[in-house]
C-alpha atoms as a PDB file:
ATOM      1  CA  MET A   1     184.097 133.548 106.768  1.00  0.00           C
ATOM      2  CA  LYS A   2     187.889 133.233 105.770  1.00  0.00           C
ATOM      3  CA  LYS A   3     188.956 134.560 109.302  1.00  0.00           C
ATOM      4  CA  LEU A   4     186.520 132.161 111.021  1.00  0.00           C
ATOM      5  CA  ILE A   5     188.130 129.093 109.104  1.00  0.00           C
ATOM      6  CA  ALA A   6     191.825 130.539 109.879  1.00  0.00           C
ATOM      7  CA  LEU A   7     190.860 130.805 113.562  1.00  0.00           C
ATOM      8  CA  PHE A   8     189.504 127.192 113.307  1.00  0.00           C
ATOM      9  CA  ALA A   9     192.620 125.875 111.733  1.00  0.00           C
ATOM     10  CA  ALA A  10     194.797 127.714 114.705  1.00  0.00           C
ATOM     11  CA  SER A  11     192.877 125.727 117.263  1.00  0.00           C
ATOM     12  CA  THR A  12     192.922 122.704 115.425  1.00  0.00           C
ATOM     13  CA  VAL A  13     197.028 122.960 115.352  1.00  0.00           C
ATOM     14  CA  ALA A  14     197.338 123.895 119.254  1.00  0.00           C
ATOM     15  CA  SER A  15     194.767 121.022 120.020  1.00  0.00           C
ATOM     16  CA  THR A  16     196.686 118.233 118.239  1.00  0.00           C
ATOM     17  CA  ALA A  17     199.833 118.146 120.732  1.00  0.00           C
ATOM     18  CA  ALA A  18     197.623 116.859 123.685  1.00  0.00           C
ATOM     19  CA  VAL A  19     194.088 115.008 123.228  1.00  0.00           C
ATOM     20  CA  ALA A  20     192.607 115.251 126.778  1.00  0.00           C
ATOM     21  CA  GLY A  21     190.468 111.820 126.112  1.00  0.00           C
ATOM     22  CA  ILE A  22     190.242 109.008 123.373  1.00  0.00           C
ATOM     23  CA  ALA A  23     187.181 106.889 122.846  1.00  0.00           C
ATOM     24  CA  LEU A  24     187.477 103.778 120.978  1.00  0.00           C
ATOM     25  CA  SER A  25     184.148 101.939 119.681  1.00  0.00           C
ATOM     26  CA  GLY A  26     183.190  99.455 116.941  1.00  0.00           C
ATOM     27  CA  THR A  27     180.944  96.779 115.403  1.00  0.00           C
ATOM     28  CA  ALA A  28     181.551  93.295 113.838  1.00  0.00           C
ATOM     29  CA  SER A  29     179.329  90.865 112.354  1.00  0.00           C
ATOM     30  CA  VAL A  30     179.078  87.796 110.443  1.00  0.00           C
ATOM     31  CA  SER A  31     176.148  87.208 107.894  1.00  0.00           C
ATOM     32  CA  TYR A  32     174.855  84.055 106.230  1.00  0.00           C
ATOM     33  CA  ASP A  33     172.114  84.269 103.360  1.00  0.00           C
ATOM     34  CA  ASP A  34     170.404  81.722 101.745  1.00  0.00           C
ATOM     35  CA  ASN A  35     169.477  83.699  98.815  1.00  0.00           C
ATOM     36  CA  GLY A  36     166.221  82.276  98.270  1.00  0.00           C
ATOM     37  CA  SER A  37     165.115  81.700  94.515  1.00  0.00           C
ATOM     38  CA  GLY A  38     167.442  84.691  93.400  1.00  0.00           C
ATOM     39  CA  ALA A  39     170.356  82.382  93.972  1.00  0.00           C
ATOM     40  CA  ALA A  40     172.166  80.489  91.152  1.00  0.00           C
ATOM     41  CA  VAL A  41     172.102  76.821  91.330  1.00  0.00           C
ATOM     42  CA  ALA A  42     176.194  76.610  91.661  1.00  0.00           C
ATOM     43  CA  ASN A  43     176.173  79.180  94.435  1.00  0.00           C
ATOM     44  CA  GLN A  44     172.880  78.601  96.490  1.00  0.00           C
ATOM     45  CA  SER A  45     174.150  80.607  99.801  1.00  0.00           C
ATOM     46  CA  SER A  46     176.700  83.250 100.753  1.00  0.00           C
ATOM     47  CA  THR A  47     178.450  84.504 103.671  1.00  0.00           C
ATOM     48  CA  SER A  48     179.527  87.864 104.313  1.00  0.00           C
ATOM     49  CA  TYR A  49     181.709  89.854 106.918  1.00  0.00           C
ATOM     50  CA  ASP A  50     181.664  93.331 108.190  1.00  0.00           C
ATOM     51  CA  ALA A  51     183.740  95.058 111.107  1.00  0.00           C
ATOM     52  CA  ASP A  52     183.960  98.968 111.540  1.00  0.00           C
ATOM     53  CA  ILE A  53     185.891 101.084 114.165  1.00  0.00           C
ATOM     54  CA  SER A  54     185.397 104.669 115.538  1.00  0.00           C
ATOM     55  CA  VAL A  55     187.915 106.730 117.065  1.00  0.00           C
ATOM     56  CA  VAL A  56     186.929 109.877 118.869  1.00  0.00           C
ATOM     57  CA  GLY A  57     189.262 112.411 120.245  1.00  0.00           C
ATOM     58  CA  THR A  58     188.034 115.229 122.720  1.00  0.00           C
ATOM     59  CA  THR A  59     189.827 118.078 123.993  1.00  0.00           C
ATOM     60  CA  GLY A  60     187.933 120.995 125.513  1.00  0.00           C
ATOM     61  CA  THR A  61     185.691 122.111 122.865  1.00  0.00           C
ATOM     62  CA  THR A  62     187.286 120.351 119.919  1.00  0.00           C
ATOM     63  CA  THR A  63     186.347 117.007 118.621  1.00  0.00           C
ATOM     64  CA  VAL A  64     187.839 114.884 116.039  1.00  0.00           C
ATOM     65  CA  THR A  65     186.107 111.635 114.790  1.00  0.00           C
ATOM     66  CA  VAL A  66     187.435 109.240 112.550  1.00  0.00           C
ATOM     67  CA  GLY A  67     185.697 105.876 110.964  1.00  0.00           C
ATOM     68  CA  MET A  68     187.487 102.852 109.308  1.00  0.00           C
ATOM     69  CA  ASP A  69     186.179  99.752 107.727  1.00  0.00           C
ATOM     70  CA  VAL A  70     188.691  97.031 108.744  1.00  0.00           C
ATOM     71  CA  ASN A  71     187.301  94.014 107.156  1.00  0.00           C
ATOM     72  CA  GLY A  72     188.942  92.630 104.205  1.00  0.00           C
ATOM     73  CA  ALA A  73     192.577  92.796 103.005  1.00  0.00           C
ATOM     74  CA  ASN A  74     192.883  96.682 103.236  1.00  0.00           C
ATOM     75  CA  ALA A  75     191.553  99.049 106.101  1.00  0.00           C
ATOM     76  CA  ALA A  76     189.634 102.050 104.539  1.00  0.00           C
ATOM     77  CA  ILE A  77     188.814 105.308 105.860  1.00  0.00           C
ATOM     78  CA  THR A  78     184.979 105.890 105.983  1.00  0.00           C
ATOM     79  CA  GLY A  79     185.023 109.686 107.667  1.00  0.00           C
ATOM     80  CA  ALA A  80     186.964 112.082 109.341  1.00  0.00           C
ATOM     81  CA  ASP A  81     185.292 115.098 110.858  1.00  0.00           C
ATOM     82  CA  MET A  82     186.505 117.729 113.090  1.00  0.00           C
ATOM     83  CA  SER A  83     184.426 120.480 115.053  1.00  0.00           C
ATOM     84  CA  THR A  84     184.970 123.199 117.685  1.00  0.00           C
ATOM     85  CA  THR A  85     183.006 125.730 119.508  1.00  0.00           C
ATOM     86  CA  ILE A  86     184.318 129.480 119.923  1.00  0.00           C
ATOM     87  CA  GLY A  87     181.721 131.232 121.859  1.00  0.00           C
ATOM     88  CA  PRO A  88     178.401 131.154 119.896  1.00  0.00           C
ATOM     89  CA  VAL A  89     180.208 130.006 116.581  1.00  0.00           C
ATOM     90  CA  THR A  90     180.337 126.437 115.821  1.00  0.00           C
ATOM     91  CA  ILE A  91     182.748 125.399 112.825  1.00  0.00           C
ATOM     92  CA  ALA A  92     182.770 122.016 111.658  1.00  0.00           C
ATOM     93  CA  ALA A  93     185.052 120.430 108.952  1.00  0.00           C
ATOM     94  CA  ASP A  94     184.322 117.124 106.629  1.00  0.00           C
ATOM     95  CA  MET A  95     187.983 115.866 105.683  1.00  0.00           C
ATOM     96  CA  HIS A  96     186.862 112.720 103.997  1.00  0.00           C
ATOM     97  CA  ASN A  97     185.690 112.508 100.381  1.00  0.00           C
ATOM     98  CA  GLU A  98     183.017 109.744 100.343  1.00  0.00           C
ATOM     99  CA  VAL A  99     182.338 108.160  96.944  1.00  0.00           C
ATOM    100  CA  THR A 100     178.756 109.084  96.216  1.00  0.00           C
ATOM    101  CA  LEU A 101     178.301 107.623  92.637  1.00  0.00           C
ATOM    102  CA  THR A 102     176.748 104.253  92.229  1.00  0.00           C
ATOM    103  CA  THR A 103     175.569 101.832  89.663  1.00  0.00           C
ATOM    104  CA  ALA A 104     172.343 101.117  92.133  1.00  0.00           C
ATOM    105  CA  THR A 105     168.877 101.876  90.629  1.00  0.00           C
ATOM    106  CA  GLY A 106     168.251 105.187  91.170  1.00  0.00           C
ATOM    107  CA  GLY A 107     171.571 105.808  92.474  1.00  0.00           C
ATOM    108  CA  GLN A 108     173.852 109.219  91.945  1.00  0.00           C
ATOM    109  CA  THR A 109     175.520 108.898  88.535  1.00  0.00           C
ATOM    110  CA  LEU A 110     178.130 111.884  89.086  1.00  0.00           C
ATOM    111  CA  GLU A 111     180.713 112.250  91.875  1.00  0.00           C
ATOM    112  CA  SER A 112     180.296 115.054  94.106  1.00  0.00           C
ATOM    113  CA  THR A 113     183.011 116.567  96.662  1.00  0.00           C
ATOM    114  CA  ASP A 114     181.738 115.963 100.064  1.00  0.00           C
ATOM    115  CA  THR A 115     184.816 117.610 102.049  1.00  0.00           C
ATOM    116  CA  GLY A 116     184.097 121.171 103.197  1.00  0.00           C
ATOM    117  CA  VAL A 117     184.020 123.504 106.207  1.00  0.00           C
ATOM    118  CA  THR A 118     180.619 124.704 107.948  1.00  0.00           C
ATOM    119  CA  VAL A 119     180.381 127.680 110.139  1.00  0.00           C
ATOM    120  CA  SER A 120     177.070 127.968 112.511  1.00  0.00           C
ATOM    121  CA  LEU A 121     176.168 130.666 114.656  1.00  0.00           C
ATOM    122  CA  ASP A 122     173.670 130.541 117.316  1.00  0.00           C
ATOM    123  CA  ALA A 123     171.767 133.544 116.910  1.00  0.00           C
ATOM    124  CA  PRO A 124     169.651 135.320 119.550  1.00  0.00           C
ATOM    125  CA  ILE A 125     166.581 135.315 117.044  1.00  0.00           C
ATOM    126  CA  GLY A 126     164.456 132.813 118.619  1.00  0.00           C
ATOM    127  CA  ASP A 127     166.570 129.918 119.221  1.00  0.00           C
ATOM    128  CA  ALA A 128     167.360 129.895 115.484  1.00  0.00           C
ATOM    129  CA  THR A 129     170.941 128.609 114.135  1.00  0.00           C
ATOM    130  CA  ILE A 130     172.374 130.171 111.031  1.00  0.00           C
ATOM    131  CA  GLY A 131     175.110 128.123 108.880  1.00  0.00           C
ATOM    132  CA  LEU A 132     177.316 128.895 106.052  1.00  0.00           C
ATOM    133  CA  ASP A 133     179.295 126.246 104.275  1.00  0.00           C
ATOM    134  CA  ASN A 134     182.074 126.832 101.714  1.00  0.00           C
ATOM    135  CA  SER A 135     179.920 126.172  98.913  1.00  0.00           C
ATOM    136  CA  GLY A 136     177.965 128.989  99.674  1.00  0.00           C
ATOM    137  CA  ASN A 137     174.786 127.119 101.163  1.00  0.00           C
ATOM    138  CA  VAL A 138     173.155 128.933 103.864  1.00  0.00           C
ATOM    139  CA  SER A 139     170.871 127.287 106.322  1.00  0.00           C
ATOM    140  CA  VAL A 140     168.729 128.491 109.312  1.00  0.00           C
ATOM    141  CA  SER A 141     167.309 125.895 112.000  1.00  0.00           C
ATOM    142  CA  GLY A 142     165.397 125.945 115.168  1.00  0.00           C
ATOM    143  CA  THR A 143     162.619 124.694 117.441  1.00  0.00           C
ATOM    144  CA  TRP A 144     159.539 126.704 118.071  1.00  0.00           C
ATOM    145  CA  SER A 145     156.874 125.477 119.985  1.00  0.00           C
ATOM    146  CA  GLY A 146     158.120 121.980 119.879  1.00  0.00           C
ATOM    147  CA  VAL A 147     158.115 122.066 116.017  1.00  0.00           C
ATOM    148  CA  THR A 148     161.793 121.570 114.764  1.00  0.00           C
ATOM    149  CA  LEU A 149     162.198 123.478 111.261  1.00  0.00           C
ATOM    150  CA  SER A 150     165.328 123.651 108.957  1.00  0.00           C
ATOM    151  CA  HIS A 151     165.888 125.124 105.737  1.00  0.00           C
ATOM    152  CA  THR A 152     168.682 125.002 103.406  1.00  0.00           C
ATOM    153  CA  ILE A 153     169.446 127.907 100.548  1.00  0.00           C
ATOM    154  CA  LYS A 154     171.706 126.175  97.777  1.00  0.00           C
ATOM    155  CA  ASP A 155     172.153 126.103  94.258  1.00  0.00           C
ATOM    156  CA  GLY A 156     169.701 124.138  92.318  1.00  0.00           C
ATOM    157  CA  SER A 157     167.013 123.844  94.982  1.00  0.00           C
ATOM    158  CA  ASP A 158     166.070 124.528  98.161  1.00  0.00           C
ATOM    159  CA  THR A 159     165.491 122.122 100.707  1.00  0.00           C
ATOM    160  CA  THR A 160     162.990 122.537 103.932  1.00  0.00           C
ATOM    161  CA  THR A 161     162.321 120.199 106.805  1.00  0.00           C
ATOM    162  CA  GLY A 162     160.214 119.941 109.673  1.00  0.00           C
ATOM    163  CA  SER A 163     159.329 117.546 112.611  1.00  0.00           C
ATOM    164  CA  ALA A 164     157.080 117.769 115.550  1.00  0.00           C
ATOM    165  CA  SER A 165     155.362 115.210 118.116  1.00  0.00           C
ATOM    166  CA  ILE A 166     151.597 116.064 118.285  1.00  0.00           C
ATOM    167  CA  ALA A 167     149.506 114.018 120.400  1.00  0.00           C
ATOM    168  CA  GLY A 168     151.521 110.889 120.594  1.00  0.00           C
ATOM    169  CA  MET A 169     152.308 111.195 116.776  1.00  0.00           C
ATOM    170  CA  ASP A 170     155.734 111.955 115.471  1.00  0.00           C
ATOM    171  CA  VAL A 171     155.442 113.892 112.412  1.00  0.00           C
ATOM    172  CA  SER A 172     158.357 114.600 109.752  1.00  0.00           C
ATOM    173  CA  ILE A 173     158.004 116.330 106.552  1.00  0.00           C
ATOM    174  CA  THR A 174     160.696 117.120 103.851  1.00  0.00           C
ATOM    175  CA  ASN A 175     160.529 119.141 100.513  1.00  0.00           C
ATOM    176  CA  ASP A 176     163.562 118.949  98.388  1.00  0.00           C
ATOM    177  CA  GLY A 177     163.496 121.247  95.390  1.00  0.00           C
ATOM    178  CA  GLY A 178     159.547 121.155  95.240  1.00  0.00           C
ATOM    179  CA  SER A 179     159.452 117.379  95.926  1.00  0.00           C
ATOM    180  CA  SER A 180     158.017 116.359  99.298  1.00  0.00           C
ATOM    181  CA  THR A 181     158.074 113.414 101.169  1.00  0.00           C
ATOM    182  CA  TRP A 182     156.686 112.625 104.751  1.00  0.00           C
ATOM    183  CA  SER A 183     156.676 110.087 107.692  1.00  0.00           C
ATOM    184  CA  LEU A 184     154.115 109.288 110.518  1.00  0.00           C
ATOM    185  CA  GLY A 185     155.031 107.353 113.347  1.00  0.00           C
ATOM    186  CA  THR A 186     153.316 106.388 116.607  1.00  0.00           C
ATOM    187  CA  THR A 187     152.645 103.579 119.125  1.00  0.00           C
ATOM    188  CA  VAL A 188     149.649 101.573 119.504  1.00  0.00           C
ATOM    189  CA  SER A 189     149.425  98.728 122.283  1.00  0.00           C
ATOM    190  CA  GLY A 190     152.987  98.640 122.444  1.00  0.00           C
ATOM    191  CA  VAL A 191     153.569  98.522 118.739  1.00  0.00           C
ATOM    192  CA  ASP A 192     155.689 100.960 116.891  1.00  0.00           C
ATOM    193  CA  LEU A 193     154.119 101.932 113.508  1.00  0.00           C
ATOM    194  CA  THR A 194     155.299 103.987 111.066  1.00  0.00           C
ATOM    195  CA  LEU A 195     153.938 105.175 107.688  1.00  0.00           C
ATOM    196  CA  ALA A 196     155.739 106.980 104.753  1.00  0.00           C
ATOM    197  CA  SER A 197     154.771 108.712 101.669  1.00  0.00           C
ATOM    198  CA  SER A 198     156.320 106.014  99.573  1.00  0.00           C
ATOM    199  CA  LYS A 199     153.477 103.959 101.009  1.00  0.00           C
ATOM    200  CA  ALA A 200     155.885 101.824 103.106  1.00  0.00           C
ATOM    201  CA  ILE A 201     154.679 100.677 106.613  1.00  0.00           C
ATOM    202  CA  THR A 202     156.890  99.290 109.278  1.00  0.00           C
ATOM    203  CA  ALA A 203     155.675  97.669 112.519  1.00  0.00           C
ATOM    204  CA  ALA A 204     157.987  96.728 115.523  1.00  0.00           C
ATOM    205  CA  PHE A 205     156.962  94.489 118.281  1.00  0.00           C
ATOM    206  CA  GLY A 206     158.739  93.553 121.661  1.00  0.00           C
ATOM    207  CA  LEU A 207     160.993  94.978 124.076  1.00  0.00           C
ATOM    208  CA  SER A 208     164.506  96.229 123.824  1.00  0.00           C
ATOM    209  CA  GLY A 209     166.988  93.200 123.075  1.00  0.00           C
ATOM    210  CA  ASN A 210     164.039  91.056 121.872  1.00  0.00           C
ATOM    211  CA  THR A 211     162.294  92.297 118.932  1.00  0.00           C
ATOM    212  CA  MET A 212     160.274  91.577 115.620  1.00  0.00           C
ATOM    213  CA  THR A 213     160.048  94.047 112.822  1.00  0.00           C
ATOM    214  CA  ILE A 214     157.728  93.715 109.805  1.00  0.00           C
ATOM    215  CA  SER A 215     158.371  95.976 107.019  1.00  0.00           C
ATOM    216  CA  HIS A 216     156.187  96.242 103.912  1.00  0.00           C
ATOM    217  CA  THR A 217     157.508  98.237 100.752  1.00  0.00           C
ATOM    218  CA  ALA A 218     154.977  99.330  98.154  1.00  0.00           C
ATOM    219  CA  GLU A 219     155.082  98.621  94.747  1.00  0.00           C
ATOM    220  CA  ARG A 220     157.723 100.522  92.769  1.00  0.00           C
ATOM    221  CA  ALA A 221     157.320 102.516  89.510  1.00  0.00           C
ATOM    222  CA  SER A 222     159.900 102.572  86.731  1.00  0.00           C
ATOM    223  CA  ALA A 223     161.474 105.847  86.477  1.00  0.00           C
ATOM    224  CA  THR A 224     163.933 107.250  83.418  1.00  0.00           C
ATOM    225  CA  ALA A 225     167.580 108.407  84.136  1.00  0.00           C
ATOM    226  CA  LYS A 226     168.041 112.211  85.056  1.00  0.00           C
ATOM    227  CA  THR A 227     171.215 113.959  83.701  1.00  0.00           C
ATOM    228  CA  GLY A 228     173.078 115.921  86.147  1.00  0.00           C
ATOM    229  CA  THR A 229     176.165 118.256  86.240  1.00  0.00           C
ATOM    230  CA  ALA A 230     179.616 117.413  87.649  1.00  0.00           C
ATOM    231  CA  ASN A 231     179.022 120.642  90.356  1.00  0.00           C
ATOM    232  CA  GLY A 232     175.253 119.270  91.078  1.00  0.00           C
ATOM    233  CA  ASP A 233     173.930 123.026  90.326  1.00  0.00           C
ATOM    234  CA  GLY A 234     171.184 121.902  88.002  1.00  0.00           C
ATOM    235  CA  ALA A 235     167.702 120.838  88.577  1.00  0.00           C
ATOM    236  CA  ASN A 236     168.928 117.145  88.581  1.00  0.00           C
ATOM    237  CA  GLY A 237     171.734 117.229  90.957  1.00  0.00           C
ATOM    238  CA  TYR A 238     174.298 115.080  90.047  1.00  0.00           C
ATOM    239  CA  GLY A 239     171.991 113.152  88.194  1.00  0.00           C
ATOM    240  CA  LYS A 240     170.222 109.847  88.671  1.00  0.00           C
ATOM    241  CA  ASN A 241     170.327 106.373  87.328  1.00  0.00           C
ATOM    242  CA  SER A 242     167.184 104.872  85.915  1.00  0.00           C
ATOM    243  CA  VAL A 243     164.805 103.161  88.121  1.00  0.00           C
ATOM    244  CA  ALA A 244     163.460  99.743  87.418  1.00  0.00           C
ATOM    245  CA  SER A 245     160.036  98.748  88.560  1.00  0.00           C
ATOM    246  CA  LYS A 246     159.755  96.196  91.350  1.00  0.00           C
ATOM    247  CA  ALA A 247     156.613  94.599  92.786  1.00  0.00           C
ATOM    248  CA  SER A 248     155.758  95.250  96.662  1.00  0.00           C
ATOM    249  CA  PHE A 249     157.385  93.060  99.147  1.00  0.00           C
ATOM    250  CA  THR A 250     157.549  92.013 102.731  1.00  0.00           C
ATOM    251  CA  THR A 251     160.458  91.586 105.308  1.00  0.00           C
ATOM    252  CA  VAL A 252     160.243  89.974 108.893  1.00  0.00           C
ATOM    253  CA  ALA A 253     163.233  90.507 110.903  1.00  0.00           C
ATOM    254  CA  ILE A 254     163.597  88.968 114.505  1.00  0.00           C
ATOM    255  CA  SER A 255     166.666  90.124 116.774  1.00  0.00           C
ATOM    256  CA  ARG A 256     167.648  88.859 120.010  1.00  0.00           C
ATOM    257  CA  ASP A 257     170.679  90.215 122.489  1.00  0.00           C
ATOM    258  CA  LEU A 258     172.502  87.680 124.323  1.00  0.00           C
ATOM    259  CA  THR A 259     174.247  87.495 127.720  1.00  0.00           C
ATOM    260  CA  SER A 260     177.738  87.518 126.270  1.00  0.00           C
ATOM    261  CA  GLY A 261     177.028  90.808 124.417  1.00  0.00           C
ATOM    262  CA  ALA A 262     176.317  89.820 121.085  1.00  0.00           C
ATOM    263  CA  ALA A 263     173.395  89.891 118.844  1.00  0.00           C
ATOM    264  CA  LEU A 264     171.449  87.595 116.758  1.00  0.00           C
ATOM    265  CA  SER A 265     168.996  88.367 114.106  1.00  0.00           C
ATOM    266  CA  ALA A 266     167.222  86.560 111.300  1.00  0.00           C
ATOM    267  CA  THR A 267     165.438  88.346 108.312  1.00  0.00           C
ATOM    268  CA  TYR A 268     163.018  86.774 105.521  1.00  0.00           C
ATOM    269  CA  ASP A 269     162.453  88.720 102.466  1.00  0.00           C
ATOM    270  CA  SER A 270     159.449  87.847 100.430  1.00  0.00           C
ATOM    271  CA  SER A 271     160.757  89.148  96.977  1.00  0.00           C
ATOM    272  CA  ASN A 272     163.155  86.215  96.721  1.00  0.00           C
ATOM    273  CA  GLU A 273     162.166  84.217  99.545  1.00  0.00           C
ATOM    274  CA  SER A 274     165.701  84.704 101.128  1.00  0.00           C
ATOM    275  CA  LEU A 275     166.544  84.097 104.938  1.00  0.00           C
ATOM    276  CA  THR A 276     169.558  85.732 106.507  1.00  0.00           C
ATOM    277  CA  LEU A 277     171.034  84.904 109.504  1.00  0.00           C
ATOM    278  CA  LYS A 278     173.391  87.619 111.132  1.00  0.00           C
ATOM    279  CA  ALA A 279     175.564  87.598 114.221  1.00  0.00           C
ATOM    280  CA  SER A 280     177.094  91.063 115.517  1.00  0.00           C
ATOM    281  CA  VAL A 281     178.934  92.668 118.369  1.00  0.00           C
ATOM    282  CA  ALA A 282     179.410  96.474 119.462  1.00  0.00           C
ATOM    283  CA  PHE A 283     181.838  97.315 121.586  1.00  0.00           C
END
């Protein structure tokens, strides 16, 4: 493992002198929200902005990706990743430590370290890929007879995911530490339908560039807070904030691409009767 990481570092230093290709892309948007019944009388509406840039440099089999959030007073790095392939071995490094704790309902309560290195091997055992990261987590993934499976062995709890397309229906199942979730997706008369184990239902109509999406979120039950550990190695991981109960609600979003290259969207949320208008552009 240490030798592979050292070899990766050496290849990185050699490649930084001359990057063969650099691709720049980004998005920018402005949104107006009337805030519906949830707005204070003194501030009935609000406007928000967002602008992001992604820079991808590639030379040979080595790729560097850096993401930045550039709206506001100070630009901030949102991601920095590097990967390279040496024969059947792929080495990936996450060099940016994202903030993972949050005050949101059900959010993570303790900070985790997201940086690290993962080494993956394309092994000749039924098209499987075996991975090992610097935390000691081992993963095995692959596709057999149209079914994609991934299993990760880690401290605290194992994670298994599976997905397949069967008779025009997309099926996805995830088991994380004994707790399972699933989703089903299919298309009926041009309408894309998705049903999740949380009882959420989504229906998307229209053609590319001119769509309407209706999403229904089921009633949410309350849940007590869970105490985690600083290393996330317990049954509750890094911990969870308590969850407040919430009544079911529906959102309706209409999106339209313009010939100018911009996109306009309008979203109505029945939970607070708010209407959000958004203009965005990608480059």
